[in-house]
N, C-alpha and C. Protein backbone atom coordinates (compact mmCIF):
# COMPACT_ATOMS: atom_id res chain seq x y z
N MET A 1 35.45 14.28 14.41
CA MET A 1 36.59 13.60 13.86
C MET A 1 37.72 13.62 14.88
N ALA A 2 38.38 12.53 15.03
CA ALA A 2 39.51 12.46 15.95
C ALA A 2 40.79 12.34 15.14
N THR A 3 41.75 13.14 15.49
CA THR A 3 43.04 13.11 14.81
C THR A 3 44.05 12.44 15.72
N SER A 4 44.74 11.45 15.18
CA SER A 4 45.72 10.71 15.97
C SER A 4 47.10 11.33 15.79
N VAL A 5 47.75 11.59 16.90
CA VAL A 5 49.10 12.14 16.89
C VAL A 5 49.97 11.23 17.76
N LYS A 6 51.10 10.78 17.21
CA LYS A 6 52.01 9.93 17.97
C LYS A 6 53.22 10.73 18.41
N SER A 7 53.47 10.68 19.69
CA SER A 7 54.67 11.33 20.22
C SER A 7 55.20 10.49 21.38
N ASN A 8 56.45 10.18 21.33
CA ASN A 8 57.11 9.39 22.39
C ASN A 8 56.39 8.06 22.64
N ASN A 9 56.02 7.38 21.58
CA ASN A 9 55.34 6.08 21.65
C ASN A 9 54.00 6.14 22.37
N ASN A 10 53.46 7.31 22.55
CA ASN A 10 52.13 7.46 23.15
C ASN A 10 51.17 7.98 22.08
N SER A 11 50.04 7.38 22.02
CA SER A 11 49.04 7.80 21.04
C SER A 11 48.08 8.77 21.71
N VAL A 12 47.99 9.97 21.16
CA VAL A 12 47.12 11.01 21.71
C VAL A 12 46.06 11.34 20.65
N LEU A 13 44.83 11.38 21.07
CA LEU A 13 43.74 11.72 20.17
C LEU A 13 43.24 13.13 20.48
N TYR A 14 43.14 13.95 19.46
CA TYR A 14 42.59 15.28 19.60
C TYR A 14 41.24 15.32 18.90
N ALA A 15 40.23 15.77 19.61
CA ALA A 15 38.89 15.90 19.01
C ALA A 15 38.82 17.22 18.26
N VAL A 16 38.33 17.14 17.02
CA VAL A 16 38.18 18.33 16.19
C VAL A 16 36.70 18.55 15.94
N HIS A 17 36.21 19.72 16.30
CA HIS A 17 34.80 20.04 16.08
C HIS A 17 34.56 20.15 14.58
N PRO A 18 33.40 19.67 14.09
CA PRO A 18 33.12 19.71 12.64
C PRO A 18 33.19 21.12 12.05
N LEU A 19 32.86 22.15 12.83
CA LEU A 19 32.93 23.51 12.30
C LEU A 19 34.36 23.99 12.16
N ASP A 20 35.27 23.39 12.91
CA ASP A 20 36.68 23.78 12.84
C ASP A 20 37.47 22.89 11.89
N ASP A 21 36.85 21.84 11.39
CA ASP A 21 37.53 20.88 10.53
C ASP A 21 37.60 21.40 9.10
N VAL A 22 38.44 20.78 8.31
CA VAL A 22 38.56 21.12 6.90
C VAL A 22 37.31 20.65 6.18
N PRO A 23 36.68 21.50 5.35
CA PRO A 23 35.46 21.07 4.66
C PRO A 23 35.75 19.92 3.70
N GLU A 24 34.81 18.99 3.64
CA GLU A 24 35.00 17.85 2.73
C GLU A 24 34.52 18.22 1.34
N GLU A 25 35.05 17.52 0.36
CA GLU A 25 34.66 17.77 -1.02
C GLU A 25 33.30 17.14 -1.27
N LYS A 26 32.40 17.91 -1.84
CA LYS A 26 31.04 17.43 -2.11
C LYS A 26 31.01 16.67 -3.43
N CYS A 27 30.10 15.71 -3.51
CA CYS A 27 29.93 14.93 -4.73
C CYS A 27 29.16 15.75 -5.75
N SER A 28 29.51 15.61 -7.01
CA SER A 28 28.82 16.31 -8.08
C SER A 28 27.72 15.41 -8.64
N VAL A 29 26.54 15.98 -8.86
CA VAL A 29 25.43 15.19 -9.39
C VAL A 29 25.19 15.49 -10.87
N GLU A 30 26.05 16.31 -11.45
CA GLU A 30 25.90 16.62 -12.86
C GLU A 30 26.20 15.40 -13.72
N GLY A 31 25.35 15.15 -14.70
CA GLY A 31 25.56 14.05 -15.61
C GLY A 31 25.14 12.70 -15.06
N LYS A 32 24.52 12.66 -13.90
CA LYS A 32 24.11 11.39 -13.31
C LYS A 32 22.82 10.87 -13.94
N GLY A 33 21.95 11.77 -14.42
CA GLY A 33 20.69 11.34 -15.02
C GLY A 33 19.64 11.04 -13.97
N LEU A 34 18.53 10.48 -14.42
CA LEU A 34 17.42 10.16 -13.54
C LEU A 34 17.68 8.85 -12.79
N LEU A 35 17.13 8.75 -11.61
CA LEU A 35 17.25 7.52 -10.84
C LEU A 35 16.23 6.50 -11.33
N HIS A 36 16.63 5.25 -11.41
CA HIS A 36 15.70 4.20 -11.77
C HIS A 36 14.93 3.77 -10.53
N MET A 37 13.60 3.76 -10.65
CA MET A 37 12.75 3.33 -9.53
C MET A 37 11.94 2.12 -9.96
N SER A 38 11.82 1.18 -9.06
CA SER A 38 11.02 0.00 -9.36
C SER A 38 9.54 0.35 -9.25
N ARG A 39 8.69 -0.55 -9.70
CA ARG A 39 7.24 -0.30 -9.65
C ARG A 39 6.74 -0.13 -8.22
N SER A 40 7.30 -0.90 -7.30
CA SER A 40 6.86 -0.80 -5.92
C SER A 40 7.24 0.55 -5.31
N VAL A 41 8.40 1.08 -5.67
CA VAL A 41 8.82 2.39 -5.18
C VAL A 41 7.92 3.48 -5.75
N LYS A 42 7.63 3.40 -7.05
CA LYS A 42 6.74 4.37 -7.67
C LYS A 42 5.35 4.32 -7.05
N ALA A 43 4.84 3.11 -6.80
CA ALA A 43 3.52 2.96 -6.20
C ALA A 43 3.52 3.53 -4.78
N SER A 44 4.59 3.32 -4.05
CA SER A 44 4.68 3.85 -2.68
C SER A 44 4.69 5.38 -2.70
N LEU A 45 5.44 5.96 -3.62
CA LEU A 45 5.49 7.42 -3.70
C LEU A 45 4.16 8.02 -4.14
N VAL A 46 3.47 7.36 -5.07
CA VAL A 46 2.14 7.83 -5.48
C VAL A 46 1.16 7.72 -4.33
N THR A 47 1.22 6.62 -3.59
CA THR A 47 0.35 6.43 -2.43
C THR A 47 0.62 7.50 -1.38
N LEU A 48 1.88 7.79 -1.12
CA LEU A 48 2.24 8.83 -0.17
C LEU A 48 1.72 10.19 -0.62
N ARG A 49 1.84 10.50 -1.91
CA ARG A 49 1.35 11.77 -2.43
C ARG A 49 -0.16 11.89 -2.28
N ILE A 50 -0.89 10.81 -2.58
CA ILE A 50 -2.35 10.81 -2.43
C ILE A 50 -2.73 10.98 -0.96
N TYR A 51 -2.01 10.31 -0.07
CA TYR A 51 -2.28 10.41 1.35
C TYR A 51 -2.06 11.85 1.83
N LEU A 52 -0.96 12.47 1.43
CA LEU A 52 -0.68 13.84 1.86
C LEU A 52 -1.72 14.82 1.31
N LEU A 53 -2.15 14.63 0.08
CA LEU A 53 -3.20 15.49 -0.48
C LEU A 53 -4.52 15.30 0.25
N LEU A 54 -4.84 14.07 0.62
CA LEU A 54 -6.07 13.79 1.37
C LEU A 54 -6.03 14.45 2.74
N ILE A 55 -4.90 14.34 3.44
CA ILE A 55 -4.75 14.97 4.75
C ILE A 55 -4.84 16.48 4.62
N LEU A 56 -4.26 17.05 3.58
CA LEU A 56 -4.34 18.49 3.36
C LEU A 56 -5.78 18.92 3.11
N ALA A 57 -6.51 18.16 2.28
CA ALA A 57 -7.90 18.48 2.00
C ALA A 57 -8.75 18.37 3.26
N LEU A 58 -8.54 17.35 4.07
CA LEU A 58 -9.30 17.22 5.31
C LEU A 58 -8.97 18.33 6.30
N SER A 59 -7.72 18.77 6.32
CA SER A 59 -7.34 19.88 7.20
C SER A 59 -8.01 21.17 6.76
N VAL A 60 -8.03 21.43 5.47
CA VAL A 60 -8.69 22.63 4.96
C VAL A 60 -10.19 22.56 5.24
N TYR A 61 -10.81 21.40 5.03
CA TYR A 61 -12.23 21.24 5.32
C TYR A 61 -12.51 21.51 6.80
N ARG A 62 -11.67 20.97 7.69
CA ARG A 62 -11.87 21.18 9.13
C ARG A 62 -11.70 22.66 9.49
N LEU A 63 -10.74 23.33 8.90
CA LEU A 63 -10.53 24.74 9.16
C LEU A 63 -11.73 25.57 8.70
N VAL A 64 -12.24 25.27 7.52
CA VAL A 64 -13.41 25.99 7.01
C VAL A 64 -14.62 25.70 7.89
N ASP A 65 -14.74 24.48 8.36
CA ASP A 65 -15.84 24.12 9.25
C ASP A 65 -15.74 24.87 10.58
N LEU A 66 -14.52 24.96 11.14
CA LEU A 66 -14.32 25.68 12.39
C LEU A 66 -14.59 27.17 12.23
N LEU A 67 -14.31 27.72 11.06
CA LEU A 67 -14.58 29.13 10.81
C LEU A 67 -16.07 29.41 10.62
N GLY A 68 -16.84 28.36 10.45
CA GLY A 68 -18.29 28.51 10.30
C GLY A 68 -18.72 28.96 8.93
N LEU A 69 -17.93 28.71 7.94
CA LEU A 69 -18.27 29.14 6.58
C LEU A 69 -19.28 28.22 5.89
N PHE A 70 -19.57 27.06 6.48
CA PHE A 70 -20.55 26.15 5.91
C PHE A 70 -21.96 26.44 6.41
N GLY A 71 -22.08 27.35 7.36
CA GLY A 71 -23.39 27.63 7.93
C GLY A 71 -23.67 26.70 9.09
N HIS A 72 -24.88 26.79 9.63
CA HIS A 72 -25.25 25.96 10.77
C HIS A 72 -25.69 24.60 10.32
N HIS A 73 -25.29 23.59 11.07
CA HIS A 73 -25.70 22.23 10.77
C HIS A 73 -27.00 21.95 11.48
N ALA A 74 -27.80 21.08 10.92
CA ALA A 74 -29.04 20.68 11.57
C ALA A 74 -28.71 19.85 12.80
N THR A 75 -29.27 20.20 13.93
CA THR A 75 -29.06 19.45 15.16
C THR A 75 -30.37 18.91 15.66
N LYS A 76 -30.30 17.83 16.38
CA LYS A 76 -31.52 17.20 16.92
C LYS A 76 -31.86 17.77 18.25
């Protein structure tokens, strides 16, 4: 944030670091209720959840396979 100070018809800007600045007032979310989501947003979120679960399952399968818990595979 830059603070403007005028002195002797000269404009001087002082840079204020965010940690040294006055804290801003946060918005309250109480009483706002649930957000309305369209069908496409809901479908996107469900698709993302299914994708993440699939990736997690494949990662666990690969880890178990690398640990050798499935036994030896038949090789030619």
